[in-house]
Amino acid sequence: MTRVSRERKQRWQAQRGTRREREMLSVFFENMMIDETRKQELREMSYEEVVKWAGTSELRLKWAASARGYKPGWVWHRLKLKEA
């Protein structure tokens, strides 16, 4: 790696944070954005209503999985089904 590219990478990381920091912040904000009222509503919906509400939004699917106690693989599976 050249000196210039190394400096550019260091500047970029200083501005954006490391990958791990960005992932941790992303998870933190995703969990903070859904409140207990919405979780309760998702628990009371039927499976078909939840799937329709979430559509192809990965974030909404994650919220539904969290509220209803689904495994993380459920989100991946639902997204693959929507692609087909």
N, C-alpha and C. Protein backbone atom coordinates (compact mmCIF):
# COMPACT_ATOMS: atom_id res chain seq x y z
N MET A 1 0.85 -1.17 0.00
CA MET A 1 0.00 0.00 0.00
C MET A 1 0.90 1.24 0.00
N THR A 2 0.60 2.15 -0.88
CA THR A 2 1.43 3.36 -0.94
C THR A 2 1.10 4.30 0.20
N ARG A 3 1.98 5.24 0.42
CA ARG A 3 1.80 6.19 1.51
C ARG A 3 0.54 7.03 1.30
N VAL A 4 0.30 7.45 0.06
CA VAL A 4 -0.87 8.26 -0.24
C VAL A 4 -2.16 7.48 0.02
N SER A 5 -2.22 6.24 -0.46
CA SER A 5 -3.44 5.46 -0.24
C SER A 5 -3.64 5.13 1.23
N ARG A 6 -2.56 4.93 1.96
CA ARG A 6 -2.66 4.67 3.40
C ARG A 6 -3.22 5.90 4.11
N GLU A 7 -2.74 7.07 3.75
CA GLU A 7 -3.24 8.31 4.37
C GLU A 7 -4.70 8.54 4.01
N ARG A 8 -5.06 8.25 2.76
CA ARG A 8 -6.45 8.40 2.33
C ARG A 8 -7.37 7.46 3.13
N LYS A 9 -6.92 6.24 3.32
CA LYS A 9 -7.70 5.26 4.09
C LYS A 9 -7.84 5.71 5.54
N GLN A 10 -6.77 6.23 6.13
CA GLN A 10 -6.84 6.70 7.51
C GLN A 10 -7.80 7.88 7.65
N ARG A 11 -7.76 8.80 6.66
CA ARG A 11 -8.69 9.94 6.69
C ARG A 11 -10.12 9.46 6.57
N TRP A 12 -10.37 8.51 5.68
CA TRP A 12 -11.71 7.98 5.48
C TRP A 12 -12.22 7.30 6.75
N GLN A 13 -11.37 6.50 7.39
CA GLN A 13 -11.77 5.83 8.62
C GLN A 13 -12.03 6.82 9.74
N ALA A 14 -11.25 7.89 9.79
CA ALA A 14 -11.45 8.90 10.82
C ALA A 14 -12.80 9.59 10.63
N GLN A 15 -13.20 9.79 9.39
CA GLN A 15 -14.48 10.44 9.11
C GLN A 15 -15.65 9.49 9.33
N ARG A 16 -15.50 8.26 8.92
CA ARG A 16 -16.62 7.32 8.94
C ARG A 16 -16.60 6.35 10.11
N GLY A 17 -15.50 6.23 10.80
CA GLY A 17 -15.39 5.23 11.85
C GLY A 17 -15.05 3.88 11.23
N THR A 18 -14.71 2.94 12.06
CA THR A 18 -14.37 1.62 11.55
C THR A 18 -15.64 0.87 11.17
N ARG A 19 -15.48 -0.19 10.44
CA ARG A 19 -16.63 -0.99 10.01
C ARG A 19 -17.39 -1.52 11.22
N ARG A 20 -16.68 -1.99 12.19
CA ARG A 20 -17.32 -2.53 13.40
C ARG A 20 -18.12 -1.46 14.13
N GLU A 21 -17.56 -0.25 14.23
CA GLU A 21 -18.29 0.84 14.88
C GLU A 21 -19.58 1.16 14.14
N ARG A 22 -19.51 1.19 12.79
CA ARG A 22 -20.71 1.49 12.00
C ARG A 22 -21.75 0.40 12.18
N GLU A 23 -21.32 -0.87 12.21
CA GLU A 23 -22.27 -1.97 12.41
C GLU A 23 -22.92 -1.89 13.78
N MET A 24 -22.14 -1.58 14.80
CA MET A 24 -22.68 -1.49 16.16
C MET A 24 -23.69 -0.35 16.25
N LEU A 25 -23.38 0.80 15.65
CA LEU A 25 -24.31 1.92 15.66
C LEU A 25 -25.58 1.59 14.90
N SER A 26 -25.44 0.89 13.79
CA SER A 26 -26.60 0.50 13.00
C SER A 26 -27.55 -0.37 13.81
N VAL A 27 -27.01 -1.37 14.49
CA VAL A 27 -27.84 -2.26 15.32
C VAL A 27 -28.47 -1.48 16.46
N PHE A 28 -27.71 -0.59 17.07
CA PHE A 28 -28.21 0.21 18.18
C PHE A 28 -29.41 1.04 17.74
N PHE A 29 -29.28 1.75 16.61
CA PHE A 29 -30.37 2.61 16.15
C PHE A 29 -31.57 1.82 15.66
N GLU A 30 -31.34 0.66 15.05
CA GLU A 30 -32.46 -0.18 14.63
C GLU A 30 -33.28 -0.61 15.83
N ASN A 31 -32.61 -0.99 16.92
CA ASN A 31 -33.32 -1.43 18.11
C ASN A 31 -34.01 -0.27 18.82
N MET A 32 -33.44 0.91 18.74
CA MET A 32 -34.03 2.07 19.40
C MET A 32 -35.26 2.58 18.66
N MET A 33 -35.31 2.37 17.35
CA MET A 33 -36.37 2.96 16.54
C MET A 33 -37.72 2.30 16.74
N ILE A 34 -37.76 1.07 17.17
CA ILE A 34 -39.04 0.39 17.37
C ILE A 34 -39.39 0.45 18.85
N ASP A 35 -40.55 1.00 19.14
CA ASP A 35 -40.95 1.15 20.54
C ASP A 35 -41.84 -0.02 20.97
N GLU A 36 -42.15 -0.06 22.23
CA GLU A 36 -42.92 -1.18 22.77
C GLU A 36 -44.34 -1.23 22.20
N THR A 37 -44.91 -0.08 21.87
CA THR A 37 -46.25 -0.07 21.29
C THR A 37 -46.26 -0.79 19.95
N ARG A 38 -45.27 -0.47 19.11
CA ARG A 38 -45.18 -1.12 17.79
C ARG A 38 -44.89 -2.61 17.95
N LYS A 39 -44.06 -2.99 18.91
CA LYS A 39 -43.77 -4.41 19.14
C LYS A 39 -45.05 -5.15 19.50
N GLN A 40 -45.87 -4.55 20.37
CA GLN A 40 -47.12 -5.18 20.77
C GLN A 40 -48.06 -5.32 19.57
N GLU A 41 -48.13 -4.30 18.74
CA GLU A 41 -48.98 -4.36 17.54
C GLU A 41 -48.52 -5.49 16.62
N LEU A 42 -47.21 -5.62 16.45
CA LEU A 42 -46.68 -6.68 15.59
C LEU A 42 -46.97 -8.07 16.17
N ARG A 43 -46.93 -8.19 17.48
CA ARG A 43 -47.23 -9.48 18.11
C ARG A 43 -48.70 -9.87 17.91
N GLU A 44 -49.58 -8.86 17.88
CA GLU A 44 -51.02 -9.13 17.77
C GLU A 44 -51.47 -9.37 16.33
N MET A 45 -50.67 -8.95 15.36
CA MET A 45 -51.03 -9.17 13.94
C MET A 45 -50.90 -10.65 13.59
N SER A 46 -51.66 -11.05 12.57
CA SER A 46 -51.48 -12.41 12.04
C SER A 46 -50.18 -12.44 11.24
N TYR A 47 -49.71 -13.65 10.96
CA TYR A 47 -48.48 -13.81 10.20
C TYR A 47 -48.59 -13.12 8.84
N GLU A 48 -49.71 -13.33 8.16
CA GLU A 48 -49.91 -12.74 6.84
C GLU A 48 -49.90 -11.22 6.90
N GLU A 49 -50.51 -10.64 7.94
CA GLU A 49 -50.51 -9.18 8.10
C GLU A 49 -49.10 -8.64 8.31
N VAL A 50 -48.32 -9.35 9.10
CA VAL A 50 -46.94 -8.92 9.37
C VAL A 50 -46.12 -8.95 8.08
N VAL A 51 -46.25 -10.02 7.32
CA VAL A 51 -45.50 -10.16 6.08
C VAL A 51 -45.91 -9.07 5.09
N LYS A 52 -47.20 -8.78 5.02
CA LYS A 52 -47.69 -7.73 4.13
C LYS A 52 -47.18 -6.37 4.59
N TRP A 53 -47.22 -6.10 5.89
CA TRP A 53 -46.75 -4.82 6.44
C TRP A 53 -45.27 -4.62 6.16
N ALA A 54 -44.48 -5.66 6.34
CA ALA A 54 -43.03 -5.55 6.17
C ALA A 54 -42.63 -5.44 4.70
N GLY A 55 -43.35 -6.13 3.83
CA GLY A 55 -43.02 -6.09 2.41
C GLY A 55 -41.60 -6.56 2.15
N THR A 56 -40.84 -5.76 1.43
CA THR A 56 -39.45 -6.11 1.11
C THR A 56 -38.46 -5.28 1.92
N SER A 57 -38.94 -4.57 2.93
CA SER A 57 -38.07 -3.74 3.75
C SER A 57 -37.32 -4.62 4.76
N GLU A 58 -36.01 -4.64 4.63
CA GLU A 58 -35.20 -5.46 5.53
C GLU A 58 -35.34 -4.98 6.98
N LEU A 59 -35.41 -3.67 7.16
CA LEU A 59 -35.54 -3.12 8.50
C LEU A 59 -36.86 -3.53 9.14
N ARG A 60 -37.95 -3.43 8.39
CA ARG A 60 -39.25 -3.84 8.94
C ARG A 60 -39.29 -5.33 9.24
N LEU A 61 -38.67 -6.12 8.37
CA LEU A 61 -38.60 -7.56 8.63
C LEU A 61 -37.82 -7.85 9.91
N LYS A 62 -36.73 -7.10 10.13
CA LYS A 62 -35.96 -7.27 11.37
C LYS A 62 -36.79 -6.88 12.58
N TRP A 63 -37.56 -5.81 12.47
CA TRP A 63 -38.43 -5.41 13.59
C TRP A 63 -39.44 -6.51 13.89
N ALA A 64 -40.06 -7.04 12.84
CA ALA A 64 -41.06 -8.09 13.02
C ALA A 64 -40.42 -9.32 13.66
N ALA A 65 -39.24 -9.69 13.20
CA ALA A 65 -38.55 -10.86 13.75
C ALA A 65 -38.21 -10.64 15.22
N SER A 66 -37.78 -9.43 15.56
CA SER A 66 -37.44 -9.12 16.94
C SER A 66 -38.68 -9.16 17.83
N ALA A 67 -39.77 -8.55 17.36
CA ALA A 67 -41.00 -8.47 18.16
C ALA A 67 -41.64 -9.85 18.35
N ARG A 68 -41.56 -10.68 17.33
CA ARG A 68 -42.24 -11.97 17.39
C ARG A 68 -41.33 -13.13 17.79
N GLY A 69 -40.03 -12.85 17.99
CA GLY A 69 -39.11 -13.88 18.46
C GLY A 69 -38.63 -14.83 17.39
N TYR A 70 -38.64 -14.37 16.12
CA TYR A 70 -38.15 -15.22 15.03
C TYR A 70 -36.63 -15.22 15.01
N LYS A 71 -36.07 -16.26 14.43
CA LYS A 71 -34.62 -16.35 14.28
C LYS A 71 -34.17 -15.40 13.17
N PRO A 72 -32.91 -14.94 13.21
CA PRO A 72 -32.41 -14.01 12.18
C PRO A 72 -32.51 -14.56 10.76
N GLY A 73 -32.43 -15.86 10.59
CA GLY A 73 -32.54 -16.46 9.27
C GLY A 73 -33.89 -16.23 8.62
N TRP A 74 -34.89 -15.93 9.41
CA TRP A 74 -36.23 -15.67 8.87
C TRP A 74 -36.22 -14.46 7.95
N VAL A 75 -35.50 -13.41 8.34
CA VAL A 75 -35.42 -12.20 7.52
C VAL A 75 -34.78 -12.54 6.17
N TRP A 76 -33.68 -13.26 6.19
CA TRP A 76 -32.99 -13.65 4.95
C TRP A 76 -33.94 -14.46 4.06
N HIS A 77 -34.64 -15.40 4.67
CA HIS A 77 -35.55 -16.27 3.92
C HIS A 77 -36.67 -15.46 3.27
N ARG A 78 -37.25 -14.52 4.02
CA ARG A 78 -38.34 -13.70 3.47
C ARG A 78 -37.84 -12.85 2.31
N LEU A 79 -36.64 -12.30 2.42
CA LEU A 79 -36.09 -11.49 1.34
C LEU A 79 -35.83 -12.33 0.10
N LYS A 80 -35.35 -13.56 0.28
CA LYS A 80 -35.11 -14.45 -0.86
C LYS A 80 -36.43 -14.84 -1.54
N LEU A 81 -37.48 -15.04 -0.75
CA LEU A 81 -38.78 -15.37 -1.32
C LEU A 81 -39.33 -14.21 -2.15
N LYS A 82 -39.10 -12.99 -1.68
CA LYS A 82 -39.60 -11.81 -2.41
C LYS A 82 -38.85 -11.60 -3.71
N GLU A 83 -37.57 -12.00 -3.76
CA GLU A 83 -36.77 -11.85 -4.98
C GLU A 83 -37.26 -12.79 -6.08
N ALA A 84 -37.73 -13.96 -5.70
CA ALA A 84 -38.13 -14.97 -6.68
C ALA A 84 -39.42 -14.63 -7.39
